[in-house]
Amino acid sequence: MANFLKNAFHDMKESAKRQHEIDKANFEATKMESSIAVGKAKRKAEQEQQLEAALARKKAAQEQYDAAKGKK
């Protein structure tokens, strides 16, 4: 019985140790994924989308302006 408990506690300790290593690796991966380089690339892509949307709005507004001006 003592050996059983000793082995069970040893297995739990090893399992906890492995889980800690997994958690640590996942944390480091997440940290690296949200690094400056990744953040810059994400911000650049967002800015490009915003620019495209703004240019489309500008074009539509210009067309409306030209149409209104032509009607008068």
C-alpha atoms as a PDB file:
ATOM      1  CA  MET A   1       0.000   0.000   0.000  1.00  0.00           C
ATOM      2  CA  ALA A   2       2.845   2.398   0.821  1.00  0.00           C
ATOM      3  CA  ASN A   3       4.466   1.685  -2.541  1.00  0.00           C
ATOM      4  CA  PHE A   4       1.177   2.350  -4.312  1.00  0.00           C
ATOM      5  CA  LEU A   5       0.811   5.758  -2.671  1.00  0.00           C
ATOM      6  CA  LYS A   6       4.470   6.562  -3.251  1.00  0.00           C
ATOM      7  CA  ASN A   7       4.128   5.706  -6.953  1.00  0.00           C
ATOM      8  CA  ALA A   8       0.863   7.620  -7.259  1.00  0.00           C
ATOM      9  CA  PHE A   9       2.395  10.759  -5.750  1.00  0.00           C
ATOM     10  CA  HIS A  10       5.468  10.377  -7.930  1.00  0.00           C
ATOM     11  CA  ASP A  11       3.278  10.086 -11.048  1.00  0.00           C
ATOM     12  CA  MET A  12       1.256  13.137 -10.025  1.00  0.00           C
ATOM     13  CA  LYS A  13       4.463  15.095  -9.449  1.00  0.00           C
ATOM     14  CA  GLU A  14       5.815  14.129 -12.884  1.00  0.00           C
ATOM     15  CA  SER A  15       2.512  14.940 -14.538  1.00  0.00           C
ATOM     16  CA  ALA A  16       2.400  18.362 -12.891  1.00  0.00           C
ATOM     17  CA  LYS A  17       5.971  18.971 -13.976  1.00  0.00           C
ATOM     18  CA  ARG A  18       5.165  18.129 -17.611  1.00  0.00           C
ATOM     19  CA  GLN A  19       2.043  20.290 -17.510  1.00  0.00           C
ATOM     20  CA  HIS A  20       4.110  23.189 -16.186  1.00  0.00           C
ATOM     21  CA  GLU A  21       6.551  22.778 -19.086  1.00  0.00           C
ATOM     22  CA  ILE A  22       3.635  22.725 -21.556  1.00  0.00           C
ATOM     23  CA  ASP A  23       2.089  25.837 -20.003  1.00  0.00           C
ATOM     24  CA  LYS A  24       5.429  27.633 -20.035  1.00  0.00           C
ATOM     25  CA  ALA A  25       6.013  26.785 -23.711  1.00  0.00           C
ATOM     26  CA  ASN A  26       2.491  27.940 -24.619  1.00  0.00           C
ATOM     27  CA  PHE A  27       3.007  31.181 -22.725  1.00  0.00           C
ATOM     28  CA  GLU A  28       6.303  31.845 -24.511  1.00  0.00           C
ATOM     29  CA  ALA A  29       4.697  31.103 -27.896  1.00  0.00           C
ATOM     30  CA  THR A  30       1.845  33.508 -27.163  1.00  0.00           C
ATOM     31  CA  LYS A  31       4.294  36.135 -26.002  1.00  0.00           C
ATOM     32  CA  MET A  32       6.336  35.802 -29.186  1.00  0.00           C
ATOM     33  CA  GLU A  33       3.231  35.866 -31.382  1.00  0.00           C
ATOM     34  CA  SER A  34       2.216  39.176 -29.882  1.00  0.00           C
ATOM     35  CA  SER A  35       5.705  40.616 -30.226  1.00  0.00           C
ATOM     36  CA  ILE A  36       6.502  43.949 -31.806  1.00  0.00           C
ATOM     37  CA  ALA A  37       7.116  42.501 -35.279  1.00  0.00           C
ATOM     38  CA  VAL A  38       3.818  40.673 -35.324  1.00  0.00           C
ATOM     39  CA  GLY A  39       2.053  43.716 -33.909  1.00  0.00           C
ATOM     40  CA  LYS A  40       3.583  45.954 -36.568  1.00  0.00           C
ATOM     41  CA  ALA A  41       2.469  43.649 -39.375  1.00  0.00           C
ATOM     42  CA  LYS A  42      -1.034  43.484 -37.940  1.00  0.00           C
ATOM     43  CA  ARG A  43      -1.250  47.266 -37.555  1.00  0.00           C
ATOM     44  CA  LYS A  44       0.057  47.769 -41.095  1.00  0.00           C
ATOM     45  CA  ALA A  45      -2.605  45.453 -42.522  1.00  0.00           C
ATOM     46  CA  GLU A  46      -5.307  47.260 -40.524  1.00  0.00           C
ATOM     47  CA  GLN A  47      -4.040  50.634 -41.738  1.00  0.00           C
ATOM     48  CA  GLU A  48      -4.072  49.440 -45.353  1.00  0.00           C
ATOM     49  CA  GLN A  49      -7.691  48.331 -44.957  1.00  0.00           C
ATOM     50  CA  GLN A  50      -8.590  51.683 -43.410  1.00  0.00           C
ATOM     51  CA  LEU A  51      -6.857  53.528 -46.254  1.00  0.00           C
ATOM     52  CA  GLU A  52      -8.722  51.511 -48.874  1.00  0.00           C
ATOM     53  CA  ALA A  53     -12.033  52.234 -47.124  1.00  0.00           C
ATOM     54  CA  ALA A  54     -11.223  55.946 -46.860  1.00  0.00           C
ATOM     55  CA  LEU A  55     -10.268  56.146 -50.540  1.00  0.00           C
ATOM     56  CA  ALA A  56     -13.498  54.383 -51.517  1.00  0.00           C
ATOM     57  CA  ARG A  57     -15.509  56.864 -49.418  1.00  0.00           C
ATOM     58  CA  LYS A  58     -13.631  59.753 -51.014  1.00  0.00           C
ATOM     59  CA  LYS A  59     -14.354  58.435 -54.497  1.00  0.00           C
ATOM     60  CA  ALA A  60     -18.059  57.980 -53.702  1.00  0.00           C
ATOM     61  CA  ALA A  61     -18.258  61.471 -52.204  1.00  0.00           C
ATOM     62  CA  GLN A  62     -16.544  62.959 -55.248  1.00  0.00           C
ATOM     63  CA  GLU A  63     -19.017  61.209 -57.543  1.00  0.00           C
ATOM     64  CA  GLN A  64     -21.944  62.519 -55.486  1.00  0.00           C
ATOM     65  CA  TYR A  65     -20.453  65.999 -55.525  1.00  0.00           C
ATOM     66  CA  ASP A  66     -19.905  65.903 -59.269  1.00  0.00           C
ATOM     67  CA  ALA A  67     -23.435  64.598 -59.845  1.00  0.00           C
ATOM     68  CA  ALA A  68     -24.947  67.303 -57.640  1.00  0.00           C
ATOM     69  CA  LYS A  69     -22.863  69.971 -59.285  1.00  0.00           C
ATOM     70  CA  GLY A  70     -23.928  68.780 -62.732  1.00  0.00           C
ATOM     71  CA  LYS A  71     -27.626  68.941 -61.820  1.00  0.00           C
ATOM     72  CA  LYS A  72     -27.502  72.606 -60.822  1.00  0.00           C
END
